[in-house]
Amino acid sequence: MTGLLLVSHSRRLAEGLAELVHAMAREVPAVALGGEEGNAGVSAEEVLAGWRTLALRSDEVVALADLGSSLLNLENAREMAGADRPCPLEIADAPFVEGAVAAAMIAVTGGASREAREAAEAAWAERKRG
């Protein structure tokens, strides 16, 4: 199954999004990463560790980030893993909340990470139409 890696500057924000995802698609594995109070953000090493943890429950992963440096740390984690990647990782260029929910809806029906990433990215258009 495709899992979700949720990377935020705020641990509470990431955990809240994981809670929302699980309310709608309980079976979808999700790992929430974020900074502790007073220390915003996570390192690329923490992202890689979260990816490895998620790979124990997922065949492939879609990652979403809240802000630019979270995205940068996702990309850095992918580079750090090199050929020793825990599992395939798709980084979605998508709104954090709407994208995660859209990706979860595809993942829960057995969709591949590419399909889940595409659904997350399509959430930009849906949001604009709304």
N, C-alpha and C. Protein backbone atom coordinates (compact mmCIF):
# COMPACT_ATOMS: atom_id res chain seq x y z
N MET A 1 0.84 -1.18 0.00
CA MET A 1 0.00 0.00 0.00
C MET A 1 0.88 1.24 0.00
N THR A 2 0.39 2.30 -0.61
CA THR A 2 1.07 3.59 -0.61
C THR A 2 0.87 4.28 0.74
N GLY A 3 1.96 4.77 1.30
CA GLY A 3 1.91 5.51 2.56
C GLY A 3 2.15 6.98 2.33
N LEU A 4 1.86 7.79 3.35
CA LEU A 4 2.03 9.24 3.26
C LEU A 4 3.08 9.70 4.27
N LEU A 5 4.01 10.52 3.80
CA LEU A 5 5.01 11.15 4.64
C LEU A 5 4.66 12.64 4.69
N LEU A 6 4.25 13.11 5.85
CA LEU A 6 3.77 14.47 6.02
C LEU A 6 4.83 15.28 6.76
N VAL A 7 5.44 16.25 6.07
CA VAL A 7 6.56 17.00 6.62
C VAL A 7 6.16 18.46 6.80
N SER A 8 6.21 18.92 8.04
CA SER A 8 5.77 20.27 8.37
C SER A 8 6.79 20.95 9.28
N HIS A 9 6.67 22.25 9.38
CA HIS A 9 7.48 22.98 10.36
C HIS A 9 6.94 22.75 11.77
N SER A 10 5.70 22.33 11.86
CA SER A 10 5.04 22.13 13.15
C SER A 10 4.63 20.67 13.32
N ARG A 11 5.10 20.06 14.38
CA ARG A 11 4.71 18.68 14.65
C ARG A 11 3.20 18.59 14.84
N ARG A 12 2.61 19.56 15.55
CA ARG A 12 1.17 19.53 15.78
C ARG A 12 0.39 19.61 14.48
N LEU A 13 0.87 20.42 13.53
CA LEU A 13 0.20 20.53 12.24
C LEU A 13 0.28 19.19 11.49
N ALA A 14 1.46 18.59 11.45
CA ALA A 14 1.63 17.31 10.76
C ALA A 14 0.80 16.21 11.42
N GLU A 15 0.81 16.17 12.74
CA GLU A 15 0.03 15.15 13.44
C GLU A 15 -1.47 15.36 13.25
N GLY A 16 -1.91 16.62 13.22
CA GLY A 16 -3.33 16.90 12.97
C GLY A 16 -3.74 16.46 11.58
N LEU A 17 -2.87 16.67 10.60
CA LEU A 17 -3.17 16.22 9.24
C LEU A 17 -3.21 14.69 9.18
N ALA A 18 -2.28 14.04 9.86
CA ALA A 18 -2.30 12.57 9.90
C ALA A 18 -3.60 12.08 10.54
N GLU A 19 -4.06 12.77 11.56
CA GLU A 19 -5.33 12.41 12.20
C GLU A 19 -6.49 12.55 11.23
N LEU A 20 -6.50 13.63 10.45
CA LEU A 20 -7.55 13.83 9.44
C LEU A 20 -7.50 12.73 8.38
N VAL A 21 -6.31 12.43 7.90
CA VAL A 21 -6.13 11.37 6.90
C VAL A 21 -6.66 10.05 7.45
N HIS A 22 -6.32 9.72 8.68
CA HIS A 22 -6.76 8.45 9.26
C HIS A 22 -8.26 8.42 9.51
N ALA A 23 -8.86 9.57 9.74
CA ALA A 23 -10.32 9.61 9.91
C ALA A 23 -11.02 9.27 8.60
N MET A 24 -10.38 9.59 7.49
CA MET A 24 -10.99 9.35 6.18
C MET A 24 -10.51 8.07 5.53
N ALA A 25 -9.32 7.63 5.87
CA ALA A 25 -8.72 6.44 5.24
C ALA A 25 -7.82 5.76 6.27
N ARG A 26 -8.45 5.12 7.24
CA ARG A 26 -7.75 4.55 8.38
C ARG A 26 -6.61 3.61 7.99
N GLU A 27 -6.76 2.88 6.90
CA GLU A 27 -5.77 1.88 6.52
C GLU A 27 -4.47 2.47 5.96
N VAL A 28 -4.50 3.73 5.54
CA VAL A 28 -3.33 4.34 4.89
C VAL A 28 -2.27 4.67 5.94
N PRO A 29 -1.09 4.07 5.81
CA PRO A 29 -0.01 4.40 6.75
C PRO A 29 0.44 5.85 6.54
N ALA A 30 0.65 6.56 7.62
CA ALA A 30 1.13 7.95 7.54
C ALA A 30 2.12 8.20 8.66
N VAL A 31 3.17 8.92 8.32
CA VAL A 31 4.15 9.37 9.30
C VAL A 31 4.14 10.89 9.28
N ALA A 32 3.95 11.48 10.45
CA ALA A 32 3.91 12.93 10.60
C ALA A 32 5.23 13.40 11.20
N LEU A 33 5.87 14.33 10.53
CA LEU A 33 7.13 14.89 11.01
C LEU A 33 7.01 16.41 11.12
N GLY A 34 7.51 16.94 12.20
CA GLY A 34 7.49 18.39 12.37
C GLY A 34 8.35 18.79 13.55
N GLY A 35 8.63 20.06 13.62
CA GLY A 35 9.45 20.58 14.70
C GLY A 35 8.73 20.58 16.03
N GLU A 36 9.52 20.55 17.07
CA GLU A 36 8.98 20.66 18.42
C GLU A 36 8.66 22.12 18.70
N GLU A 37 7.89 22.37 19.74
CA GLU A 37 7.54 23.74 20.11
C GLU A 37 8.82 24.56 20.30
N GLY A 38 8.87 25.70 19.66
CA GLY A 38 10.03 26.57 19.75
C GLY A 38 11.16 26.19 18.81
N ASN A 39 11.01 25.12 18.06
CA ASN A 39 12.04 24.67 17.13
C ASN A 39 11.36 24.20 15.86
N ALA A 40 11.10 25.12 14.96
CA ALA A 40 10.35 24.81 13.75
C ALA A 40 11.18 24.00 12.77
N GLY A 41 10.51 23.03 12.15
CA GLY A 41 11.12 22.27 11.07
C GLY A 41 11.82 20.99 11.51
N VAL A 42 12.18 20.20 10.51
CA VAL A 42 12.90 18.94 10.73
C VAL A 42 14.07 18.89 9.77
N SER A 43 15.06 18.10 10.12
CA SER A 43 16.24 17.95 9.27
C SER A 43 16.02 16.89 8.20
N ALA A 44 16.90 16.87 7.23
CA ALA A 44 16.86 15.83 6.20
C ALA A 44 17.08 14.46 6.83
N GLU A 45 17.89 14.39 7.87
CA GLU A 45 18.13 13.11 8.56
C GLU A 45 16.86 12.61 9.20
N GLU A 46 16.08 13.51 9.81
CA GLU A 46 14.81 13.12 10.43
C GLU A 46 13.81 12.68 9.37
N VAL A 47 13.82 13.35 8.23
CA VAL A 47 12.93 12.97 7.13
C VAL A 47 13.30 11.58 6.63
N LEU A 48 14.58 11.31 6.46
CA LEU A 48 15.02 10.00 6.00
C LEU A 48 14.63 8.92 7.01
N ALA A 49 14.77 9.20 8.29
CA ALA A 49 14.37 8.24 9.32
C ALA A 49 12.87 7.99 9.27
N GLY A 50 12.07 9.03 9.06
CA GLY A 50 10.62 8.86 8.93
C GLY A 50 10.25 8.05 7.70
N TRP A 51 10.95 8.28 6.61
CA TRP A 51 10.73 7.53 5.37
C TRP A 51 11.04 6.05 5.61
N ARG A 52 12.14 5.78 6.30
CA ARG A 52 12.49 4.38 6.59
C ARG A 52 11.44 3.72 7.48
N THR A 53 10.95 4.45 8.45
CA THR A 53 9.89 3.92 9.32
C THR A 53 8.64 3.60 8.52
N LEU A 54 8.26 4.51 7.65
CA LEU A 54 7.06 4.31 6.83
C LEU A 54 7.24 3.15 5.87
N ALA A 55 8.45 2.94 5.38
CA ALA A 55 8.72 1.84 4.44
C ALA A 55 8.49 0.48 5.07
N LEU A 56 8.48 0.40 6.39
CA LEU A 56 8.19 -0.87 7.06
C LEU A 56 6.72 -1.26 6.89
N ARG A 57 5.86 -0.27 6.58
CA ARG A 57 4.41 -0.51 6.44
C ARG A 57 3.89 -0.18 5.05
N SER A 58 4.76 0.30 4.16
CA SER A 58 4.33 0.74 2.84
C SER A 58 5.26 0.22 1.76
N ASP A 59 4.69 -0.02 0.58
CA ASP A 59 5.50 -0.43 -0.56
C ASP A 59 6.12 0.77 -1.26
N GLU A 60 5.41 1.90 -1.18
CA GLU A 60 5.87 3.14 -1.79
C GLU A 60 5.25 4.30 -1.02
N VAL A 61 5.81 5.50 -1.22
CA VAL A 61 5.45 6.64 -0.38
C VAL A 61 5.21 7.88 -1.23
N VAL A 62 4.19 8.64 -0.83
CA VAL A 62 3.97 9.99 -1.35
C VAL A 62 4.27 10.94 -0.20
N ALA A 63 5.12 11.93 -0.47
CA ALA A 63 5.49 12.90 0.56
C ALA A 63 4.90 14.26 0.22
N LEU A 64 4.43 14.95 1.25
CA LEU A 64 3.92 16.30 1.11
C LEU A 64 4.60 17.19 2.14
N ALA A 65 4.86 18.42 1.76
CA ALA A 65 5.53 19.38 2.64
C ALA A 65 4.69 20.64 2.76
N ASP A 66 4.80 21.29 3.93
CA ASP A 66 4.01 22.50 4.14
C ASP A 66 4.65 23.75 3.55
N LEU A 67 5.96 23.89 3.66
CA LEU A 67 6.66 25.09 3.19
C LEU A 67 7.96 24.70 2.51
N GLY A 68 8.60 25.70 1.90
CA GLY A 68 9.78 25.47 1.08
C GLY A 68 10.90 24.70 1.73
N SER A 69 11.28 25.02 2.96
CA SER A 69 12.40 24.30 3.56
C SER A 69 12.04 22.86 3.91
N SER A 70 10.77 22.59 4.16
CA SER A 70 10.34 21.19 4.35
C SER A 70 10.53 20.42 3.05
N LEU A 71 10.19 21.04 1.94
CA LEU A 71 10.39 20.43 0.63
C LEU A 71 11.88 20.21 0.38
N LEU A 72 12.69 21.19 0.71
CA LEU A 72 14.13 21.06 0.53
C LEU A 72 14.68 19.89 1.34
N ASN A 73 14.21 19.71 2.57
CA ASN A 73 14.67 18.59 3.38
C ASN A 73 14.18 17.25 2.84
N LEU A 74 13.00 17.22 2.23
CA LEU A 74 12.54 16.00 1.55
C LEU A 74 13.48 15.65 0.41
N GLU A 75 13.80 16.63 -0.40
CA GLU A 75 14.69 16.40 -1.54
C GLU A 75 16.09 15.99 -1.07
N ASN A 76 16.56 16.63 0.00
CA ASN A 76 17.88 16.26 0.55
C ASN A 76 17.87 14.84 1.10
N ALA A 77 16.79 14.44 1.74
CA ALA A 77 16.69 13.07 2.26
C ALA A 77 16.73 12.06 1.12
N ARG A 78 16.07 12.39 0.02
CA ARG A 78 16.09 11.48 -1.14
C ARG A 78 17.51 11.35 -1.68
N GLU A 79 18.24 12.46 -1.73
CA GLU A 79 19.63 12.42 -2.19
C GLU A 79 20.51 11.63 -1.23
N MET A 80 20.30 11.85 0.09
CA MET A 80 21.10 11.15 1.10
C MET A 80 20.90 9.64 1.00
N ALA A 81 19.68 9.20 0.71
CA ALA A 81 19.39 7.77 0.62
C ALA A 81 20.11 7.14 -0.55
N GLY A 82 20.26 7.90 -1.63
CA GLY A 82 20.94 7.38 -2.81
C GLY A 82 20.32 6.09 -3.29
N ALA A 83 21.16 5.12 -3.58
CA ALA A 83 20.68 3.82 -4.07
C ALA A 83 20.08 2.98 -2.95
N ASP A 84 20.29 3.40 -1.72
CA ASP A 84 19.80 2.65 -0.55
C ASP A 84 18.44 3.20 -0.10
N ARG A 85 17.59 3.50 -1.07
CA ARG A 85 16.27 4.05 -0.75
C ARG A 85 15.41 2.98 -0.09
N PRO A 86 14.70 3.37 0.99
CA PRO A 86 13.85 2.40 1.68
C PRO A 86 12.73 1.84 0.80
N CYS A 87 12.15 2.68 -0.04
CA CYS A 87 11.11 2.30 -1.00
C CYS A 87 10.93 3.50 -1.93
N PRO A 88 10.21 3.33 -3.04
CA PRO A 88 10.00 4.47 -3.94
C PRO A 88 9.32 5.64 -3.22
N LEU A 89 9.78 6.85 -3.55
CA LEU A 89 9.26 8.07 -2.95
C LEU A 89 8.85 9.06 -4.03
N GLU A 90 7.60 9.49 -3.99
CA GLU A 90 7.09 10.53 -4.89
C GLU A 90 6.85 11.77 -4.04
N ILE A 91 7.45 12.89 -4.43
CA ILE A 91 7.23 14.15 -3.72
C ILE A 91 6.18 14.94 -4.48
N ALA A 92 5.07 15.23 -3.81
CA ALA A 92 3.96 15.92 -4.46
C ALA A 92 4.11 17.44 -4.35
N ASP A 93 3.88 18.11 -5.46
CA ASP A 93 3.79 19.58 -5.49
C ASP A 93 2.31 19.89 -5.32
N ALA A 94 1.88 19.94 -4.06
CA ALA A 94 0.44 19.98 -3.78
C ALA A 94 0.17 20.75 -2.50
N PRO A 95 -1.06 21.23 -2.34
CA PRO A 95 -1.43 21.85 -1.07
C PRO A 95 -1.35 20.79 0.03
N PHE A 96 -0.85 21.18 1.18
CA PHE A 96 -0.56 20.23 2.25
C PHE A 96 -1.79 19.44 2.69
N VAL A 97 -2.86 20.12 3.02
CA VAL A 97 -4.04 19.43 3.54
C VAL A 97 -4.83 18.74 2.43
N GLU A 98 -5.26 19.51 1.44
CA GLU A 98 -6.06 18.94 0.37
C GLU A 98 -5.31 17.85 -0.39
N GLY A 99 -4.01 18.07 -0.59
CA GLY A 99 -3.20 17.09 -1.29
C GLY A 99 -3.08 15.78 -0.53
N ALA A 100 -2.88 15.88 0.78
CA ALA A 100 -2.77 14.67 1.60
C ALA A 100 -4.06 13.87 1.58
N VAL A 101 -5.18 14.56 1.68
CA VAL A 101 -6.47 13.87 1.67
C VAL A 101 -6.70 13.22 0.31
N ALA A 102 -6.41 13.93 -0.77
CA ALA A 102 -6.60 13.37 -2.12
C ALA A 102 -5.70 12.15 -2.33
N ALA A 103 -4.45 12.25 -1.90
CA ALA A 103 -3.53 11.12 -2.03
C ALA A 103 -4.02 9.93 -1.21
N ALA A 104 -4.52 10.19 -0.03
CA ALA A 104 -5.02 9.10 0.83
C ALA A 104 -6.21 8.39 0.19
N MET A 105 -7.07 9.14 -0.50
CA MET A 105 -8.24 8.52 -1.13
C MET A 105 -7.80 7.56 -2.24
N ILE A 106 -6.73 7.90 -2.93
CA ILE A 106 -6.20 7.00 -3.97
C ILE A 106 -5.49 5.81 -3.31
N ALA A 107 -4.70 6.09 -2.29
CA ALA A 107 -3.94 5.02 -1.61
C ALA A 107 -4.87 3.98 -1.00
N VAL A 108 -5.96 4.42 -0.39
CA VAL A 108 -6.86 3.48 0.29
C VAL A 108 -7.54 2.53 -0.69
N THR A 109 -7.63 2.93 -1.95
CA THR A 109 -8.23 2.05 -2.96
C THR A 109 -7.18 1.20 -3.68
N GLY A 110 -5.93 1.26 -3.19
CA GLY A 110 -4.87 0.44 -3.76
C GLY A 110 -4.08 1.12 -4.85
N GLY A 111 -4.28 2.42 -5.02
CA GLY A 111 -3.55 3.15 -6.07
C GLY A 111 -2.06 3.24 -5.79
N ALA A 112 -1.29 3.31 -6.85
CA ALA A 112 0.16 3.43 -6.76
C ALA A 112 0.54 4.85 -6.33
N SER A 113 1.79 5.00 -5.90
CA SER A 113 2.26 6.30 -5.43
C SER A 113 2.18 7.36 -6.52
N ARG A 114 2.45 6.99 -7.76
CA ARG A 114 2.36 7.96 -8.85
C ARG A 114 0.93 8.49 -8.98
N GLU A 115 -0.04 7.59 -8.89
CA GLU A 115 -1.44 7.99 -8.97
C GLU A 115 -1.84 8.86 -7.78
N ALA A 116 -1.36 8.50 -6.60
CA ALA A 116 -1.66 9.28 -5.41
C ALA A 116 -1.02 10.66 -5.49
N ARG A 117 0.22 10.74 -5.99
CA ARG A 117 0.88 12.03 -6.18
C ARG A 117 0.10 12.89 -7.17
N GLU A 118 -0.32 12.28 -8.27
CA GLU A 118 -1.09 13.03 -9.28
C GLU A 118 -2.40 13.55 -8.71
N ALA A 119 -3.06 12.75 -7.88
CA ALA A 119 -4.31 13.19 -7.24
C ALA A 119 -4.03 14.35 -6.29
N ALA A 120 -2.94 14.26 -5.55
CA ALA A 120 -2.57 15.35 -4.65
C ALA A 120 -2.32 16.64 -5.43
N GLU A 121 -1.59 16.52 -6.53
CA GLU A 121 -1.27 17.70 -7.33
C GLU A 121 -2.51 18.27 -8.01
N ALA A 122 -3.47 17.42 -8.36
CA ALA A 122 -4.72 17.89 -8.96
C ALA A 122 -5.55 18.68 -7.95
N ALA A 123 -5.24 18.53 -6.67
CA ALA A 123 -5.96 19.28 -5.64
C ALA A 123 -5.76 20.78 -5.80
N TRP A 124 -4.66 21.21 -6.43
CA TRP A 124 -4.47 22.65 -6.70
C TRP A 124 -5.61 23.16 -7.56
N ALA A 125 -5.91 22.44 -8.63
CA ALA A 125 -6.98 22.86 -9.54
C ALA A 125 -8.33 22.82 -8.85
N GLU A 126 -8.58 21.78 -8.09
CA GLU A 126 -9.85 21.66 -7.37
C GLU A 126 -10.03 22.81 -6.39
N ARG A 127 -8.96 23.18 -5.74
CA ARG A 127 -9.01 24.27 -4.77
C ARG A 127 -9.35 25.58 -5.46
N LYS A 128 -8.78 25.80 -6.62
CA LYS A 128 -9.03 27.04 -7.38
C LYS A 128 -10.46 27.10 -7.90
N ARG A 129 -11.01 25.95 -8.26
CA ARG A 129 -12.39 25.90 -8.78
C ARG A 129 -13.41 26.13 -7.68
N GLY A 130 -13.06 25.61 -6.47
CA GLY A 130 -13.94 25.61 -5.31
C GLY A 130 -14.71 26.83 -5.10
